[in-house]
């Protein structure tokens, strides 16, 4: 059976894990700087809700797992406003929000920043084009 005919019933992403070095510092960043709701903490892990996807912060279990995470793209309705608010709360950005692509129905904008653990993250906004 090849991948094209495989049907596992996967419907959405359920959880993403991000490596951290200091759980308290990272929890503060994701809760207070990004405004994500903290769901619970347990055994050296913190779990947040990000639009129905659970975000887990934890130290790497083994040295071979201790590496930067994948880039997470947080969708926001107004990237300029989100950028201003995050700058005001002390988040450092890699640059200003910028246009990535002009799509038929919207313009795709992004702005990259680092969390408290130096993981690269991004804001993403699909700005509707004028009709």
N, C-alpha and C. Protein backbone atom coordinates (compact mmCIF):
# COMPACT_ATOMS: atom_id res chain seq x y z
N UNK A 1 0.86 -1.19 0.00
CA UNK A 1 0.00 0.00 0.00
C UNK A 1 0.90 1.24 0.00
N UNK A 2 0.64 2.18 -0.90
CA UNK A 2 1.45 3.40 -0.94
C UNK A 2 0.76 4.53 -0.19
N UNK A 3 1.47 5.62 0.01
CA UNK A 3 0.95 6.74 0.78
C UNK A 3 -0.31 7.34 0.17
N UNK A 4 -0.43 7.29 -1.16
CA UNK A 4 -1.59 7.87 -1.83
C UNK A 4 -2.88 7.12 -1.48
N UNK A 5 -2.80 5.82 -1.17
CA UNK A 5 -4.00 5.05 -0.87
C UNK A 5 -4.19 4.83 0.62
N UNK A 6 -3.23 5.25 1.43
CA UNK A 6 -3.32 5.09 2.87
C UNK A 6 -4.35 6.04 3.45
N UNK A 7 -5.28 5.54 4.26
CA UNK A 7 -6.27 6.39 4.90
C UNK A 7 -6.31 6.05 6.38
N UNK A 8 -5.56 6.81 7.17
CA UNK A 8 -5.49 6.56 8.61
C UNK A 8 -6.56 7.31 9.38
N UNK A 9 -7.26 8.21 8.74
CA UNK A 9 -8.28 8.99 9.42
C UNK A 9 -7.74 10.20 10.16
N UNK A 10 -6.52 10.63 9.86
CA UNK A 10 -5.95 11.81 10.51
C UNK A 10 -6.74 13.03 10.06
N UNK A 11 -7.21 13.82 11.04
CA UNK A 11 -8.03 14.98 10.71
C UNK A 11 -7.39 16.31 11.08
N UNK A 12 -6.47 16.31 12.06
CA UNK A 12 -5.84 17.56 12.45
C UNK A 12 -4.61 17.27 13.29
N UNK A 13 -3.82 18.28 13.52
CA UNK A 13 -2.68 18.19 14.40
C UNK A 13 -3.18 18.29 15.83
N UNK A 14 -2.81 17.35 16.69
CA UNK A 14 -3.32 17.33 18.06
C UNK A 14 -2.41 18.00 19.07
N UNK A 15 -1.09 17.85 18.89
CA UNK A 15 -0.16 18.40 19.87
C UNK A 15 1.18 18.65 19.21
N UNK A 16 1.86 19.70 19.66
CA UNK A 16 3.21 20.02 19.23
C UNK A 16 4.05 20.16 20.50
N UNK A 17 5.25 19.61 20.47
CA UNK A 17 6.16 19.71 21.62
C UNK A 17 7.29 20.67 21.27
N UNK A 18 7.63 21.51 22.23
CA UNK A 18 8.74 22.45 22.07
C UNK A 18 9.73 22.19 23.20
N UNK A 19 11.01 22.00 22.83
CA UNK A 19 12.06 21.82 23.83
C UNK A 19 12.31 23.12 24.56
N UNK A 20 12.48 23.01 25.88
CA UNK A 20 12.81 24.17 26.70
C UNK A 20 13.95 23.79 27.64
N UNK A 21 14.65 24.80 28.14
CA UNK A 21 15.69 24.58 29.14
C UNK A 21 15.20 25.00 30.51
N UNK A 22 14.39 26.04 30.57
CA UNK A 22 13.87 26.56 31.83
C UNK A 22 12.35 26.60 31.70
N UNK A 23 11.66 25.64 32.29
CA UNK A 23 10.22 25.52 32.12
C UNK A 23 9.46 26.73 32.67
N UNK A 24 9.88 27.25 33.82
CA UNK A 24 9.19 28.42 34.38
C UNK A 24 9.31 29.62 33.46
N UNK A 25 10.51 29.86 32.95
CA UNK A 25 10.73 30.99 32.04
C UNK A 25 9.91 30.82 30.77
N UNK A 26 9.91 29.60 30.21
CA UNK A 26 9.17 29.35 28.97
C UNK A 26 7.66 29.45 29.21
N UNK A 27 7.19 28.96 30.34
CA UNK A 27 5.76 29.05 30.67
C UNK A 27 5.33 30.51 30.74
N UNK A 28 6.16 31.33 31.38
CA UNK A 28 5.87 32.77 31.47
C UNK A 28 5.80 33.38 30.07
N UNK A 29 6.74 33.03 29.18
CA UNK A 29 6.76 33.58 27.84
C UNK A 29 5.48 33.23 27.08
N UNK A 30 5.13 31.95 27.03
CA UNK A 30 3.97 31.52 26.24
C UNK A 30 2.66 32.00 26.85
N UNK A 31 2.58 32.10 28.17
CA UNK A 31 1.36 32.56 28.83
C UNK A 31 1.25 34.09 28.78
N UNK A 32 2.32 34.77 29.18
CA UNK A 32 2.24 36.23 29.37
C UNK A 32 2.61 37.04 28.13
N UNK A 33 3.49 36.54 27.29
CA UNK A 33 3.89 37.29 26.11
C UNK A 33 3.06 36.93 24.88
N UNK A 34 2.68 35.65 24.75
CA UNK A 34 1.86 35.24 23.61
C UNK A 34 0.38 35.16 23.97
N UNK A 35 0.06 35.13 25.25
CA UNK A 35 -1.33 35.09 25.68
C UNK A 35 -2.02 33.76 25.47
N UNK A 36 -1.26 32.67 25.39
CA UNK A 36 -1.89 31.35 25.21
C UNK A 36 -2.43 30.85 26.55
N UNK A 37 -3.62 30.27 26.55
CA UNK A 37 -4.19 29.75 27.80
C UNK A 37 -3.42 28.53 28.29
N UNK A 38 -2.97 28.59 29.54
CA UNK A 38 -2.30 27.46 30.17
C UNK A 38 -3.36 26.44 30.57
N UNK A 39 -3.25 25.23 30.03
CA UNK A 39 -4.21 24.17 30.33
C UNK A 39 -3.87 23.49 31.65
N UNK A 40 -2.61 23.02 31.78
CA UNK A 40 -2.18 22.37 33.01
C UNK A 40 -0.67 22.15 32.97
N UNK A 41 -0.10 21.87 34.14
CA UNK A 41 1.30 21.50 34.25
C UNK A 41 1.36 20.16 34.98
N UNK A 42 2.33 19.33 34.59
CA UNK A 42 2.50 18.02 35.22
C UNK A 42 3.91 17.52 34.95
N UNK A 43 4.56 16.99 35.96
CA UNK A 43 5.86 16.32 35.82
C UNK A 43 6.85 17.04 34.92
N UNK A 44 7.09 18.32 35.16
CA UNK A 44 8.07 19.05 34.38
C UNK A 44 7.63 19.42 32.98
N UNK A 45 6.32 19.47 32.75
CA UNK A 45 5.78 19.85 31.45
C UNK A 45 4.66 20.86 31.65
N UNK A 46 4.49 21.74 30.67
CA UNK A 46 3.38 22.69 30.68
C UNK A 46 2.64 22.55 29.36
N UNK A 47 1.32 22.59 29.43
CA UNK A 47 0.48 22.41 28.24
C UNK A 47 -0.40 23.63 28.04
N UNK A 48 -0.42 24.14 26.81
CA UNK A 48 -1.20 25.31 26.44
C UNK A 48 -2.19 24.95 25.34
N UNK A 49 -3.26 25.76 25.23
CA UNK A 49 -4.19 25.60 24.12
C UNK A 49 -3.86 26.65 23.07
N UNK A 50 -3.70 26.21 21.84
CA UNK A 50 -3.44 27.12 20.73
C UNK A 50 -4.46 26.82 19.65
N UNK A 51 -5.66 27.37 19.81
CA UNK A 51 -6.72 27.18 18.84
C UNK A 51 -7.13 25.72 18.65
N UNK A 52 -7.13 24.96 19.75
CA UNK A 52 -7.52 23.56 19.68
C UNK A 52 -6.35 22.60 19.51
N UNK A 53 -5.16 23.12 19.26
CA UNK A 53 -3.96 22.28 19.21
C UNK A 53 -3.23 22.46 20.53
N UNK A 54 -2.88 21.35 21.16
CA UNK A 54 -2.18 21.42 22.44
C UNK A 54 -0.69 21.63 22.19
N UNK A 55 -0.12 22.61 22.90
CA UNK A 55 1.29 22.92 22.81
C UNK A 55 1.95 22.48 24.11
N UNK A 56 2.93 21.58 24.01
CA UNK A 56 3.61 21.04 25.19
C UNK A 56 5.01 21.61 25.28
N UNK A 57 5.35 22.15 26.45
CA UNK A 57 6.70 22.63 26.72
C UNK A 57 7.34 21.65 27.69
N UNK A 58 8.54 21.17 27.36
CA UNK A 58 9.23 20.21 28.23
C UNK A 58 10.71 20.18 27.89
N UNK A 59 11.51 19.75 28.87
CA UNK A 59 12.93 19.50 28.62
C UNK A 59 13.04 18.24 27.77
N UNK A 60 14.06 18.19 26.92
CA UNK A 60 14.29 17.01 26.10
C UNK A 60 14.54 15.80 27.00
N UNK A 61 13.92 14.67 26.68
CA UNK A 61 14.06 13.46 27.50
C UNK A 61 15.45 12.85 27.38
N UNK A 62 16.07 12.97 26.21
CA UNK A 62 17.39 12.38 25.96
C UNK A 62 18.24 13.41 25.22
N UNK A 63 19.56 13.34 25.38
CA UNK A 63 20.43 14.32 24.69
C UNK A 63 20.20 14.38 23.18
N UNK A 64 19.91 13.27 22.55
CA UNK A 64 19.71 13.29 21.09
C UNK A 64 18.44 14.03 20.68
N UNK A 65 17.53 14.27 21.63
CA UNK A 65 16.31 15.01 21.34
C UNK A 65 16.45 16.50 21.65
N UNK A 66 17.62 16.91 22.18
CA UNK A 66 17.84 18.29 22.60
C UNK A 66 18.31 19.12 21.40
N UNK A 67 17.34 19.67 20.65
CA UNK A 67 17.63 20.50 19.49
C UNK A 67 16.51 21.51 19.33
N UNK A 68 16.76 22.58 18.56
CA UNK A 68 15.68 23.55 18.34
C UNK A 68 14.47 22.87 17.69
N UNK A 69 13.30 23.36 18.03
CA UNK A 69 12.08 22.80 17.48
C UNK A 69 11.78 23.31 16.08
N UNK A 70 10.74 22.78 15.50
CA UNK A 70 10.26 23.27 14.22
C UNK A 70 9.72 24.69 14.40
N UNK A 71 9.64 25.43 13.32
CA UNK A 71 9.09 26.78 13.39
C UNK A 71 7.57 26.67 13.51
N UNK A 72 7.01 27.29 14.54
CA UNK A 72 5.56 27.35 14.70
C UNK A 72 5.09 28.70 14.17
N UNK A 73 4.03 28.68 13.38
CA UNK A 73 3.48 29.90 12.79
C UNK A 73 2.14 30.17 13.47
N UNK A 74 2.08 31.23 14.27
CA UNK A 74 0.87 31.61 14.99
C UNK A 74 0.06 32.57 14.12
N UNK A 75 -1.16 32.17 13.78
CA UNK A 75 -2.02 32.99 12.92
C UNK A 75 -2.64 34.10 13.76
N UNK A 76 -2.54 35.33 13.26
CA UNK A 76 -3.14 36.50 13.91
C UNK A 76 -3.94 37.27 12.87
N UNK A 77 -5.02 37.94 13.29
CA UNK A 77 -5.82 38.70 12.32
C UNK A 77 -5.14 39.99 11.86
N UNK A 78 -4.37 40.63 12.75
CA UNK A 78 -3.72 41.91 12.45
C UNK A 78 -2.26 41.81 12.86
N UNK A 79 -1.39 41.52 11.92
CA UNK A 79 0.01 41.28 12.24
C UNK A 79 0.71 42.53 12.76
N UNK A 80 0.35 43.70 12.26
CA UNK A 80 0.97 44.94 12.72
C UNK A 80 0.63 45.19 14.20
N UNK A 81 -0.63 45.00 14.56
CA UNK A 81 -1.05 45.20 15.95
C UNK A 81 -0.41 44.17 16.88
N UNK A 82 -0.38 42.91 16.45
CA UNK A 82 0.24 41.86 17.27
C UNK A 82 1.73 42.13 17.44
N UNK A 83 2.38 42.57 16.38
CA UNK A 83 3.81 42.90 16.43
C UNK A 83 4.06 44.02 17.44
N UNK A 84 3.25 45.08 17.38
CA UNK A 84 3.40 46.20 18.32
C UNK A 84 3.20 45.74 19.76
N UNK A 85 2.16 44.95 20.02
CA UNK A 85 1.88 44.48 21.38
C UNK A 85 3.01 43.60 21.91
N UNK A 86 3.52 42.73 21.06
CA UNK A 86 4.59 41.85 21.51
C UNK A 86 5.89 42.61 21.74
N UNK A 87 6.19 43.58 20.87
CA UNK A 87 7.37 44.43 21.10
C UNK A 87 7.25 45.15 22.44
N UNK A 88 6.06 45.67 22.74
CA UNK A 88 5.84 46.38 23.99
C UNK A 88 6.00 45.47 25.20
N UNK A 89 5.75 44.17 25.01
CA UNK A 89 5.89 43.23 26.14
C UNK A 89 7.30 42.65 26.23
N UNK A 90 8.20 43.11 25.35
CA UNK A 90 9.59 42.70 25.44
C UNK A 90 10.03 41.60 24.51
N UNK A 91 9.17 41.19 23.57
CA UNK A 91 9.56 40.15 22.62
C UNK A 91 10.47 40.76 21.55
N UNK A 92 11.58 40.10 21.28
CA UNK A 92 12.51 40.57 20.25
C UNK A 92 12.22 39.89 18.92
N UNK A 93 12.10 40.67 17.87
CA UNK A 93 11.81 40.15 16.54
C UNK A 93 13.07 40.13 15.69
N UNK A 94 13.07 39.23 14.71
CA UNK A 94 14.17 39.11 13.76
C UNK A 94 14.09 40.22 12.71
N UNK A 95 12.94 40.84 12.59
CA UNK A 95 12.72 41.92 11.63
C UNK A 95 11.27 42.36 11.70
N UNK A 96 10.92 43.30 10.87
CA UNK A 96 9.56 43.81 10.81
C UNK A 96 8.63 42.81 10.11
N UNK A 97 7.31 42.91 10.34
CA UNK A 97 6.38 42.11 9.53
C UNK A 97 6.60 42.44 8.05
N UNK A 98 6.58 41.41 7.22
CA UNK A 98 6.84 41.64 5.80
C UNK A 98 5.98 40.73 4.94
N UNK A 99 5.72 41.21 3.72
CA UNK A 99 4.92 40.48 2.75
C UNK A 99 5.71 39.29 2.23
N UNK A 100 5.11 38.11 2.29
CA UNK A 100 5.74 36.89 1.81
C UNK A 100 5.24 36.56 0.40
N UNK A 101 3.91 36.64 0.21
CA UNK A 101 3.35 36.26 -1.10
C UNK A 101 2.01 36.94 -1.31
N UNK A 102 1.76 37.32 -2.55
CA UNK A 102 0.46 37.85 -2.95
C UNK A 102 -0.34 36.68 -3.53
N UNK A 103 -1.36 36.27 -2.80
CA UNK A 103 -2.22 35.18 -3.23
C UNK A 103 -3.45 35.77 -3.90
N UNK A 104 -4.25 34.98 -4.60
CA UNK A 104 -5.43 35.54 -5.28
C UNK A 104 -6.41 36.26 -4.34
N UNK A 105 -6.64 35.71 -3.15
CA UNK A 105 -7.64 36.30 -2.26
C UNK A 105 -7.06 37.06 -1.08
N UNK A 106 -5.74 36.90 -0.83
CA UNK A 106 -5.14 37.55 0.34
C UNK A 106 -3.64 37.75 0.12
N UNK A 107 -3.06 38.60 0.96
CA UNK A 107 -1.61 38.79 1.00
C UNK A 107 -1.10 38.09 2.26
N UNK A 108 -0.08 37.27 2.12
CA UNK A 108 0.48 36.53 3.24
C UNK A 108 1.64 37.30 3.85
N UNK A 109 1.48 37.66 5.13
CA UNK A 109 2.48 38.42 5.87
C UNK A 109 3.04 37.56 7.00
N UNK A 110 4.33 37.77 7.32
CA UNK A 110 4.96 37.06 8.43
C UNK A 110 5.94 37.96 9.16
N UNK A 111 6.16 37.62 10.43
CA UNK A 111 7.18 38.27 11.24
C UNK A 111 7.76 37.20 12.16
N UNK A 112 9.09 37.10 12.19
CA UNK A 112 9.75 36.04 12.95
C UNK A 112 10.31 36.58 14.26
N UNK A 113 10.25 35.75 15.30
CA UNK A 113 10.75 36.11 16.62
C UNK A 113 11.25 34.86 17.33
N UNK A 114 11.90 35.06 18.46
CA UNK A 114 12.41 33.93 19.25
C UNK A 114 11.72 33.91 20.60
N UNK A 115 11.50 32.69 21.09
CA UNK A 115 10.92 32.57 22.42
C UNK A 115 12.03 32.68 23.46
N UNK A 116 11.68 32.49 24.71
CA UNK A 116 12.65 32.62 25.80
C UNK A 116 13.74 31.57 25.74
N UNK A 117 13.52 30.49 24.98
CA UNK A 117 14.48 29.40 24.88
C UNK A 117 15.26 29.44 23.56
N UNK A 118 15.10 30.53 22.79
CA UNK A 118 15.77 30.78 21.51
C UNK A 118 15.20 29.97 20.34
N UNK A 119 14.01 29.36 20.50
CA UNK A 119 13.35 28.70 19.39
C UNK A 119 12.79 29.76 18.45
N UNK A 120 12.94 29.55 17.13
CA UNK A 120 12.40 30.48 16.15
C UNK A 120 10.91 30.22 15.98
N UNK A 121 10.11 31.27 16.06
CA UNK A 121 8.66 31.23 15.90
C UNK A 121 8.26 32.34 14.93
N UNK A 122 6.99 32.34 14.53
CA UNK A 122 6.55 33.37 13.59
C UNK A 122 5.09 33.74 13.82
N UNK A 123 4.77 34.98 13.52
CA UNK A 123 3.39 35.42 13.37
C UNK A 123 3.06 35.32 11.90
N UNK A 124 1.82 34.95 11.59
CA UNK A 124 1.39 34.81 10.20
C UNK A 124 0.02 35.44 10.08
N UNK A 125 -0.20 36.19 9.02
CA UNK A 125 -1.50 36.83 8.81
C UNK A 125 -1.86 36.78 7.33
N UNK A 126 -3.05 36.32 7.07
CA UNK A 126 -3.59 36.30 5.70
C UNK A 126 -4.51 37.51 5.57
N UNK A 127 -3.99 38.57 4.98
CA UNK A 127 -4.72 39.84 4.88
C UNK A 127 -5.56 39.82 3.62
N UNK A 128 -6.91 39.88 3.77
CA UNK A 128 -7.78 39.84 2.58
C UNK A 128 -7.43 40.97 1.61
N UNK A 129 -7.49 40.64 0.31
CA UNK A 129 -7.25 41.64 -0.72
C UNK A 129 -8.54 42.36 -1.02
N UNK A 130 -8.42 43.60 -1.38
CA UNK A 130 -9.60 44.40 -1.72
C UNK A 130 -10.30 43.80 -2.93
N UNK A 131 -11.63 43.78 -2.88
CA UNK A 131 -12.41 43.19 -3.98
C UNK A 131 -12.48 44.10 -5.17
